[in-house]
Amino acid sequence: MVKVKFFALLRERLNCNEIDVDLPAGATVNQLREKLALLHPDWTRELYDQELLCAKNYTFVDWSEPLADGDEVALFPPVTGG
């Protein structure tokens, strides 16, 4: 089981703070995204935003990063400031 947390505008658009997802051993962050899109088709547009950032266990990672049971993944839009 992987815990996925959503932040900032992404959290607002998905109307979800976090979700637990079962994945096969060796699944990647991108495969997690694919599973989320299958479970929640209405989330697809936001999940595939070109600028969406991901972190695993508080460290930024690439979408090809492998996941293990118990990992925590954070998904969020790029930070902007003014």
PDB file of N, CA and C in Angstrom:
ATOM      1  N   MET A   1       0.840  -1.176   0.000  1.00  0.00           N
ATOM      2  CA  MET A   1       0.000   0.000   0.000  1.00  0.00           C
ATOM      3  C   MET A   1       0.885   1.240   0.000  1.00  0.00           C
ATOM      4  N   VAL A   2       0.573   2.180  -0.879  1.00  0.00           N
ATOM      5  CA  VAL A   2       1.283   3.451  -0.983  1.00  0.00           C
ATOM      6  C   VAL A   2       0.306   4.563  -0.623  1.00  0.00           C
ATOM      7  N   LYS A   3       0.739   5.487   0.200  1.00  0.00           N
ATOM      8  CA  LYS A   3      -0.095   6.643   0.554  1.00  0.00           C
ATOM      9  C   LYS A   3       0.248   7.774  -0.399  1.00  0.00           C
ATOM     10  N   VAL A   4      -0.778   8.355  -1.009  1.00  0.00           N
ATOM     11  CA  VAL A   4      -0.599   9.473  -1.929  1.00  0.00           C
ATOM     12  C   VAL A   4      -1.241  10.704  -1.304  1.00  0.00           C
ATOM     13  N   LYS A   5      -0.469  11.783  -1.237  1.00  0.00           N
ATOM     14  CA  LYS A   5      -0.974  13.046  -0.708  1.00  0.00           C
ATOM     15  C   LYS A   5      -0.976  14.085  -1.827  1.00  0.00           C
ATOM     16  N   PHE A   6      -2.038  14.874  -1.863  1.00  0.00           N
ATOM     17  CA  PHE A   6      -2.196  15.922  -2.869  1.00  0.00           C
ATOM     18  C   PHE A   6      -2.099  17.280  -2.182  1.00  0.00           C
ATOM     19  N   PHE A   7      -1.441  18.232  -2.852  1.00  0.00           N
ATOM     20  CA  PHE A   7      -1.207  19.535  -2.250  1.00  0.00           C
ATOM     21  C   PHE A   7      -1.635  20.679  -3.160  1.00  0.00           C
ATOM     22  N   ALA A   8      -1.881  21.821  -2.529  1.00  0.00           N
ATOM     23  CA  ALA A   8      -2.152  23.097  -3.185  1.00  0.00           C
ATOM     24  C   ALA A   8      -3.348  23.001  -4.132  1.00  0.00           C
ATOM     25  N   LEU A   9      -3.234  23.619  -5.285  1.00  0.00           N
ATOM     26  CA  LEU A   9      -4.336  23.665  -6.242  1.00  0.00           C
ATOM     27  C   LEU A   9      -4.758  22.269  -6.682  1.00  0.00           C
ATOM     28  N   LEU A  10      -3.814  21.342  -6.758  1.00  0.00           N
ATOM     29  CA  LEU A  10      -4.156  19.973  -7.144  1.00  0.00           C
ATOM     30  C   LEU A  10      -5.142  19.373  -6.142  1.00  0.00           C
ATOM     31  N   ARG A  11      -4.900  19.561  -4.875  1.00  0.00           N
ATOM     32  CA  ARG A  11      -5.801  19.050  -3.834  1.00  0.00           C
ATOM     33  C   ARG A  11      -7.198  19.648  -4.007  1.00  0.00           C
ATOM     34  N   GLU A  12      -7.260  20.933  -4.297  1.00  0.00           N
ATOM     35  CA  GLU A  12      -8.552  21.594  -4.491  1.00  0.00           C
ATOM     36  C   GLU A  12      -9.279  21.046  -5.711  1.00  0.00           C
ATOM     37  N   ARG A  13      -8.568  20.865  -6.802  1.00  0.00           N
ATOM     38  CA  ARG A  13      -9.205  20.375  -8.032  1.00  0.00           C
ATOM     39  C   ARG A  13      -9.678  18.931  -7.909  1.00  0.00           C
ATOM     40  N   LEU A  14      -8.933  18.109  -7.187  1.00  0.00           N
ATOM     41  CA  LEU A  14      -9.319  16.706  -7.023  1.00  0.00           C
ATOM     42  C   LEU A  14     -10.296  16.519  -5.867  1.00  0.00           C
ATOM     43  N   ASN A  15     -10.399  17.529  -5.021  1.00  0.00           N
ATOM     44  CA  ASN A  15     -11.241  17.448  -3.823  1.00  0.00           C
ATOM     45  C   ASN A  15     -10.857  16.241  -2.972  1.00  0.00           C
ATOM     46  N   CYS A  16      -9.543  16.068  -2.795  1.00  0.00           N
ATOM     47  CA  CYS A  16      -9.016  14.927  -2.048  1.00  0.00           C
ATOM     48  C   CYS A  16      -7.685  15.321  -1.408  1.00  0.00           C
ATOM     49  N   ASN A  17      -7.534  15.010  -0.132  1.00  0.00           N
ATOM     50  CA  ASN A  17      -6.270  15.284   0.562  1.00  0.00           C
ATOM     51  C   ASN A  17      -5.265  14.161   0.372  1.00  0.00           C
ATOM     52  N   GLU A  18      -5.745  12.923   0.539  1.00  0.00           N
ATOM     53  CA  GLU A  18      -4.860  11.760   0.403  1.00  0.00           C
ATOM     54  C   GLU A  18      -5.678  10.519   0.104  1.00  0.00           C
ATOM     55  N   ILE A  19      -4.973   9.508  -0.415  1.00  0.00           N
ATOM     56  CA  ILE A  19      -5.599   8.245  -0.777  1.00  0.00           C
ATOM     57  C   ILE A  19      -4.552   7.140  -0.648  1.00  0.00           C
ATOM     58  N   ASP A  20      -4.979   5.960  -0.249  1.00  0.00           N
ATOM     59  CA  ASP A  20      -4.100   4.790  -0.201  1.00  0.00           C
ATOM     60  C   ASP A  20      -4.350   3.948  -1.446  1.00  0.00           C
ATOM     61  N   VAL A  21      -3.267   3.472  -2.067  1.00  0.00           N
ATOM     62  CA  VAL A  21      -3.375   2.722  -3.315  1.00  0.00           C
ATOM     63  C   VAL A  21      -2.555   1.445  -3.216  1.00  0.00           C
ATOM     64  N   ASP A  22      -3.161   0.327  -3.598  1.00  0.00           N
ATOM     65  CA  ASP A  22      -2.438  -0.945  -3.694  1.00  0.00           C
ATOM     66  C   ASP A  22      -1.759  -1.015  -5.047  1.00  0.00           C
ATOM     67  N   LEU A  23      -0.475  -1.359  -5.045  1.00  0.00           N
ATOM     68  CA  LEU A  23       0.299  -1.477  -6.280  1.00  0.00           C
ATOM     69  C   LEU A  23       1.089  -2.775  -6.252  1.00  0.00           C
ATOM     70  N   PRO A  24       1.381  -3.331  -7.439  1.00  0.00           N
ATOM     71  CA  PRO A  24       2.239  -4.517  -7.468  1.00  0.00           C
ATOM     72  C   PRO A  24       3.674  -4.151  -7.100  1.00  0.00           C
ATOM     73  N   ALA A  25       4.423  -5.117  -6.648  1.00  0.00           N
ATOM     74  CA  ALA A  25       5.834  -4.904  -6.309  1.00  0.00           C
ATOM     75  C   ALA A  25       6.575  -4.340  -7.515  1.00  0.00           C
ATOM     76  N   GLY A  26       7.423  -3.360  -7.275  1.00  0.00           N
ATOM     77  CA  GLY A  26       8.234  -2.783  -8.338  1.00  0.00           C
ATOM     78  C   GLY A  26       7.538  -1.729  -9.175  1.00  0.00           C
ATOM     79  N   ALA A  27       6.312  -1.369  -8.826  1.00  0.00           N
ATOM     80  CA  ALA A  27       5.598  -0.338  -9.582  1.00  0.00           C
ATOM     81  C   ALA A  27       6.325   0.997  -9.439  1.00  0.00           C
ATOM     82  N   THR A  28       6.194   1.836 -10.445  1.00  0.00           N
ATOM     83  CA  THR A  28       6.838   3.147 -10.450  1.00  0.00           C
ATOM     84  C   THR A  28       5.831   4.239 -10.088  1.00  0.00           C
ATOM     85  N   VAL A  29       6.344   5.443  -9.879  1.00  0.00           N
ATOM     86  CA  VAL A  29       5.468   6.576  -9.610  1.00  0.00           C
ATOM     87  C   VAL A  29       4.530   6.791 -10.796  1.00  0.00           C
ATOM     88  N   ASN A  30       5.029   6.616 -12.012  1.00  0.00           N
ATOM     89  CA  ASN A  30       4.171   6.779 -13.182  1.00  0.00           C
ATOM     90  C   ASN A  30       3.060   5.725 -13.201  1.00  0.00           C
ATOM     91  N   GLN A  31       3.373   4.496 -12.817  1.00  0.00           N
ATOM     92  CA  GLN A  31       2.342   3.464 -12.757  1.00  0.00           C
ATOM     93  C   GLN A  31       1.315   3.782 -11.668  1.00  0.00           C
ATOM     94  N   LEU A  32       1.750   4.406 -10.603  1.00  0.00           N
ATOM     95  CA  LEU A  32       0.822   4.882  -9.583  1.00  0.00           C
ATOM     96  C   LEU A  32      -0.124   5.908 -10.199  1.00  0.00           C
ATOM     97  N   ARG A  33       0.426   6.835 -10.966  1.00  0.00           N
ATOM     98  CA  ARG A  33      -0.405   7.845 -11.629  1.00  0.00           C
ATOM     99  C   ARG A  33      -1.407   7.183 -12.562  1.00  0.00           C
ATOM    100  N   GLU A  34      -0.969   6.175 -13.314  1.00  0.00           N
ATOM    101  CA  GLU A  34      -1.877   5.449 -14.206  1.00  0.00           C
ATOM    102  C   GLU A  34      -3.010   4.794 -13.421  1.00  0.00           C
ATOM    103  N   LYS A  35      -2.680   4.190 -12.287  1.00  0.00           N
ATOM    104  CA  LYS A  35      -3.697   3.526 -11.460  1.00  0.00           C
ATOM    105  C   LYS A  35      -4.687   4.549 -10.903  1.00  0.00           C
ATOM    106  N   LEU A  36      -4.182   5.695 -10.455  1.00  0.00           N
ATOM    107  CA  LEU A  36      -5.073   6.743  -9.964  1.00  0.00           C
ATOM    108  C   LEU A  36      -6.038   7.204 -11.055  1.00  0.00           C
ATOM    109  N   ALA A  37      -5.541   7.337 -12.285  1.00  0.00           N
ATOM    110  CA  ALA A  37      -6.396   7.754 -13.400  1.00  0.00           C
ATOM    111  C   ALA A  37      -7.450   6.691 -13.712  1.00  0.00           C
ATOM    112  N   LEU A  38      -7.102   5.415 -13.554  1.00  0.00           N
ATOM    113  CA  LEU A  38      -8.087   4.346 -13.761  1.00  0.00           C
ATOM    114  C   LEU A  38      -9.143   4.351 -12.657  1.00  0.00           C
ATOM    115  N   LEU A  39      -8.705   4.559 -11.426  1.00  0.00           N
ATOM    116  CA  LEU A  39      -9.637   4.572 -10.295  1.00  0.00           C
ATOM    117  C   LEU A  39     -10.536   5.812 -10.303  1.00  0.00           C
ATOM    118  N   HIS A  40      -9.986   6.920 -10.780  1.00  0.00           N
ATOM    119  CA  HIS A  40     -10.702   8.202 -10.781  1.00  0.00           C
ATOM    120  C   HIS A  40     -10.519   8.875 -12.145  1.00  0.00           C
ATOM    121  N   PRO A  41     -11.258   8.441 -13.169  1.00  0.00           N
ATOM    122  CA  PRO A  41     -11.077   9.005 -14.516  1.00  0.00           C
ATOM    123  C   PRO A  41     -11.221  10.527 -14.576  1.00  0.00           C
ATOM    124  N   ASP A  42     -12.014  11.093 -13.685  1.00  0.00           N
ATOM    125  CA  ASP A  42     -12.193  12.541 -13.677  1.00  0.00           C
ATOM    126  C   ASP A  42     -10.943  13.286 -13.202  1.00  0.00           C
ATOM    127  N   TRP A  43      -9.962  12.579 -12.682  1.00  0.00           N
ATOM    128  CA  TRP A  43      -8.705  13.186 -12.236  1.00  0.00           C
ATOM    129  C   TRP A  43      -7.636  13.207 -13.338  1.00  0.00           C
ATOM    130  N   THR A  44      -7.890  12.542 -14.453  1.00  0.00           N
ATOM    131  CA  THR A  44      -6.861  12.316 -15.475  1.00  0.00           C
ATOM    132  C   THR A  44      -6.178  13.603 -15.928  1.00  0.00           C
ATOM    133  N   ARG A  45      -6.935  14.626 -16.242  1.00  0.00           N
ATOM    134  CA  ARG A  45      -6.340  15.865 -16.752  1.00  0.00           C
ATOM    135  C   ARG A  45      -5.324  16.442 -15.762  1.00  0.00           C
ATOM    136  N   GLU A  46      -5.710  16.518 -14.498  1.00  0.00           N
ATOM    137  CA  GLU A  46      -4.812  17.081 -13.487  1.00  0.00           C
ATOM    138  C   GLU A  46      -3.599  16.192 -13.240  1.00  0.00           C
ATOM    139  N   LEU A  47      -3.798  14.870 -13.259  1.00  0.00           N
ATOM    140  CA  LEU A  47      -2.693  13.941 -13.000  1.00  0.00           C
ATOM    141  C   LEU A  47      -1.635  13.964 -14.100  1.00  0.00           C
ATOM    142  N   TYR A  48      -2.042  14.311 -15.310  1.00  0.00           N
ATOM    143  CA  TYR A  48      -1.098  14.315 -16.421  1.00  0.00           C
ATOM    144  C   TYR A  48      -0.655  15.723 -16.819  1.00  0.00           C
ATOM    145  N   ASP A  49      -0.846  16.673 -15.933  1.00  0.00           N
ATOM    146  CA  ASP A  49      -0.326  18.020 -16.147  1.00  0.00           C
ATOM    147  C   ASP A  49       1.192  17.915 -16.312  1.00  0.00           C
ATOM    148  N   GLN A  50       1.713  18.502 -17.369  1.00  0.00           N
ATOM    149  CA  GLN A  50       3.143  18.405 -17.695  1.00  0.00           C
ATOM    150  C   GLN A  50       4.047  18.921 -16.574  1.00  0.00           C
ATOM    151  N   GLU A  51       3.547  19.832 -15.760  1.00  0.00           N
ATOM    152  CA  GLU A  51       4.389  20.452 -14.742  1.00  0.00           C
ATOM    153  C   GLU A  51       4.194  19.855 -13.355  1.00  0.00           C
ATOM    154  N   LEU A  52       3.368  18.825 -13.236  1.00  0.00           N
ATOM    155  CA  LEU A  52       3.103  18.211 -11.939  1.00  0.00           C
ATOM    156  C   LEU A  52       4.399  17.654 -11.343  1.00  0.00           C
ATOM    157  N   LEU A  53       4.628  17.928 -10.083  1.00  0.00           N
ATOM    158  CA  LEU A  53       5.829  17.465  -9.386  1.00  0.00           C
ATOM    159  C   LEU A  53       5.487  16.296  -8.480  1.00  0.00           C
ATOM    160  N   CYS A  54       6.479  15.429  -8.253  1.00  0.00           N
ATOM    161  CA  CYS A  54       6.252  14.297  -7.358  1.00  0.00           C
ATOM    162  C   CYS A  54       7.448  14.125  -6.423  1.00  0.00           C
ATOM    163  N   ALA A  55       7.127  13.658  -5.228  1.00  0.00           N
ATOM    164  CA  ALA A  55       8.149  13.367  -4.225  1.00  0.00           C
ATOM    165  C   ALA A  55       7.814  12.025  -3.595  1.00  0.00           C
ATOM    166  N   LYS A  56       8.851  11.283  -3.247  1.00  0.00           N
ATOM    167  CA  LYS A  56       8.684  10.012  -2.540  1.00  0.00           C
ATOM    168  C   LYS A  56       9.388  10.141  -1.208  1.00  0.00           C
ATOM    169  N   ASN A  57       8.658   9.922  -0.148  1.00  0.00           N
ATOM    170  CA  ASN A  57       9.231  10.004   1.198  1.00  0.00           C
ATOM    171  C   ASN A  57      10.027  11.299   1.397  1.00  0.00           C
ATOM    172  N   TYR A  58       9.419  12.416   0.972  1.00  0.00           N
ATOM    173  CA  TYR A  58       9.941  13.774   1.173  1.00  0.00           C
ATOM    174  C   TYR A  58      11.144  14.136   0.303  1.00  0.00           C
ATOM    175  N   THR A  59      11.379  13.374  -0.768  1.00  0.00           N
ATOM    176  CA  THR A  59      12.465  13.678  -1.696  1.00  0.00           C
ATOM    177  C   THR A  59      11.908  13.728  -3.113  1.00  0.00           C
ATOM    178  N   PHE A  60      12.210  14.812  -3.853  1.00  0.00           N
ATOM    179  CA  PHE A  60      11.753  14.900  -5.235  1.00  0.00           C
ATOM    180  C   PHE A  60      12.311  13.732  -6.036  1.00  0.00           C
ATOM    181  N   VAL A  61      11.458  13.135  -6.876  1.00  0.00           N
ATOM    182  CA  VAL A  61      11.864  11.997  -7.693  1.00  0.00           C
ATOM    183  C   VAL A  61      11.296  12.140  -9.098  1.00  0.00           C
ATOM    184  N   ASP A  62      11.847  11.338 -10.002  1.00  0.00           N
ATOM    185  CA  ASP A  62      11.363  11.245 -11.371  1.00  0.00           C
ATOM    186  C   ASP A  62      10.170  10.294 -11.403  1.00  0.00           C
ATOM    187  N   TRP A  63       9.369  10.385 -12.444  1.00  0.00           N
ATOM    188  CA  TRP A  63       8.193   9.518 -12.590  1.00  0.00           C
ATOM    189  C   TRP A  63       8.572   8.049 -12.744  1.00  0.00           C
ATOM    190  N   SER A  64       9.816   7.748 -13.069  1.00  0.00           N
ATOM    191  CA  SER A  64      10.255   6.352 -13.224  1.00  0.00           C
ATOM    192  C   SER A  64      10.739   5.739 -11.907  1.00  0.00           C
ATOM    193  N   GLU A  65      10.686   6.498 -10.822  1.00  0.00           N
ATOM    194  CA  GLU A  65      11.153   6.027  -9.511  1.00  0.00           C
ATOM    195  C   GLU A  65      10.321   4.830  -9.039  1.00  0.00           C
ATOM    196  N   PRO A  66      10.982   3.727  -8.648  1.00  0.00           N
ATOM    197  CA  PRO A  66      10.232   2.571  -8.126  1.00  0.00           C
ATOM    198  C   PRO A  66       9.684   2.856  -6.728  1.00  0.00           C
ATOM    199  N   LEU A  67       8.567   2.217  -6.432  1.00  0.00           N
ATOM    200  CA  LEU A  67       7.914   2.372  -5.133  1.00  0.00           C
ATOM    201  C   LEU A  67       7.923   1.062  -4.371  1.00  0.00           C
ATOM    202  N   ALA A  68       7.846   1.171  -3.057  1.00  0.00           N
ATOM    203  CA  ALA A  68       7.764  -0.005  -2.189  1.00  0.00           C
ATOM    204  C   ALA A  68       6.578   0.172  -1.248  1.00  0.00           C
ATOM    205  N   ASP A  69       6.118  -0.939  -0.716  1.00  0.00           N
ATOM    206  CA  ASP A  69       5.028  -0.911   0.239  1.00  0.00           C
ATOM    207  C   ASP A  69       5.385   0.027   1.395  1.00  0.00           C
ATOM    208  N   GLY A  70       4.461   0.898   1.755  1.00  0.00           N
ATOM    209  CA  GLY A  70       4.695   1.834   2.847  1.00  0.00           C
ATOM    210  C   GLY A  70       5.232   3.190   2.428  1.00  0.00           C
ATOM    211  N   ASP A  71       5.611   3.353   1.153  1.00  0.00           N
ATOM    212  CA  ASP A  71       6.101   4.650   0.688  1.00  0.00           C
ATOM    213  C   ASP A  71       4.982   5.683   0.731  1.00  0.00           C
ATOM    214  N   GLU A  72       5.392   6.945   0.830  1.00  0.00           N
ATOM    215  CA  GLU A  72       4.456   8.062   0.765  1.00  0.00           C
ATOM    216  C   GLU A  72       4.842   8.911  -0.440  1.00  0.00           C
ATOM    217  N   VAL A  73       3.879   9.161  -1.307  1.00  0.00           N
ATOM    218  CA  VAL A  73       4.106   9.952  -2.512  1.00  0.00           C
ATOM    219  C   VAL A  73       3.305  11.242  -2.393  1.00  0.00           C
ATOM    220  N   ALA A  74       3.949  12.347  -2.689  1.00  0.00           N
ATOM    221  CA  ALA A  74       3.288  13.649  -2.697  1.00  0.00           C
ATOM    222  C   ALA A  74       3.230  14.153  -4.132  1.00  0.00           C
ATOM    223  N   LEU A  75       2.067  14.622  -4.542  1.00  0.00           N
ATOM    224  CA  LEU A  75       1.877  15.194  -5.873  1.00  0.00           C
ATOM    225  C   LEU A  75       1.397  16.627  -5.706  1.00  0.00           C
ATOM    226  N   PHE A  76       2.034  17.543  -6.455  1.00  0.00           N
ATOM    227  CA  PHE A  76       1.653  18.938  -6.317  1.00  0.00           C
ATOM    228  C   PHE A  76       2.097  19.729  -7.533  1.00  0.00           C
ATOM    229  N   PRO A  77       1.405  20.835  -7.795  1.00  0.00           N
ATOM    230  CA  PRO A  77       1.806  21.699  -8.901  1.00  0.00           C
ATOM    231  C   PRO A  77       3.074  22.453  -8.529  1.00  0.00           C
ATOM    232  N   PRO A  78       3.768  23.002  -9.517  1.00  0.00           N
ATOM    233  CA  PRO A  78       4.976  23.766  -9.216  1.00  0.00           C
ATOM    234  C   PRO A  78       4.647  24.956  -8.314  1.00  0.00           C
ATOM    235  N   VAL A  79       5.577  25.294  -7.469  1.00  0.00           N
ATOM    236  CA  VAL A  79       5.395  26.409  -6.547  1.00  0.00           C
ATOM    237  C   VAL A  79       5.639  27.709  -7.297  1.00  0.00           C
ATOM    238  N   THR A  80       4.752  28.664  -7.085  1.00  0.00           N
ATOM    239  CA  THR A  80       4.945  29.983  -7.679  1.00  0.00           C
ATOM    240  C   THR A  80       4.895  31.020  -6.577  1.00  0.00           C
ATOM    241  N   GLY A  81       5.491  32.113  -6.842  1.00  0.00           N
ATOM    242  CA  GLY A  81       5.508  33.170  -5.836  1.00  0.00           C
ATOM    243  C   GLY A  81       5.271  34.520  -6.466  1.00  0.00           C
ATOM    244  N   GLY A  82       5.192  35.495  -5.631  1.00  0.00           N
ATOM    245  CA  GLY A  82       4.924  36.823  -6.153  1.00  0.00           C
ATOM    246  C   GLY A  82       5.747  37.859  -5.475  1.00  0.00           C
TER     247      GLY A  82
END
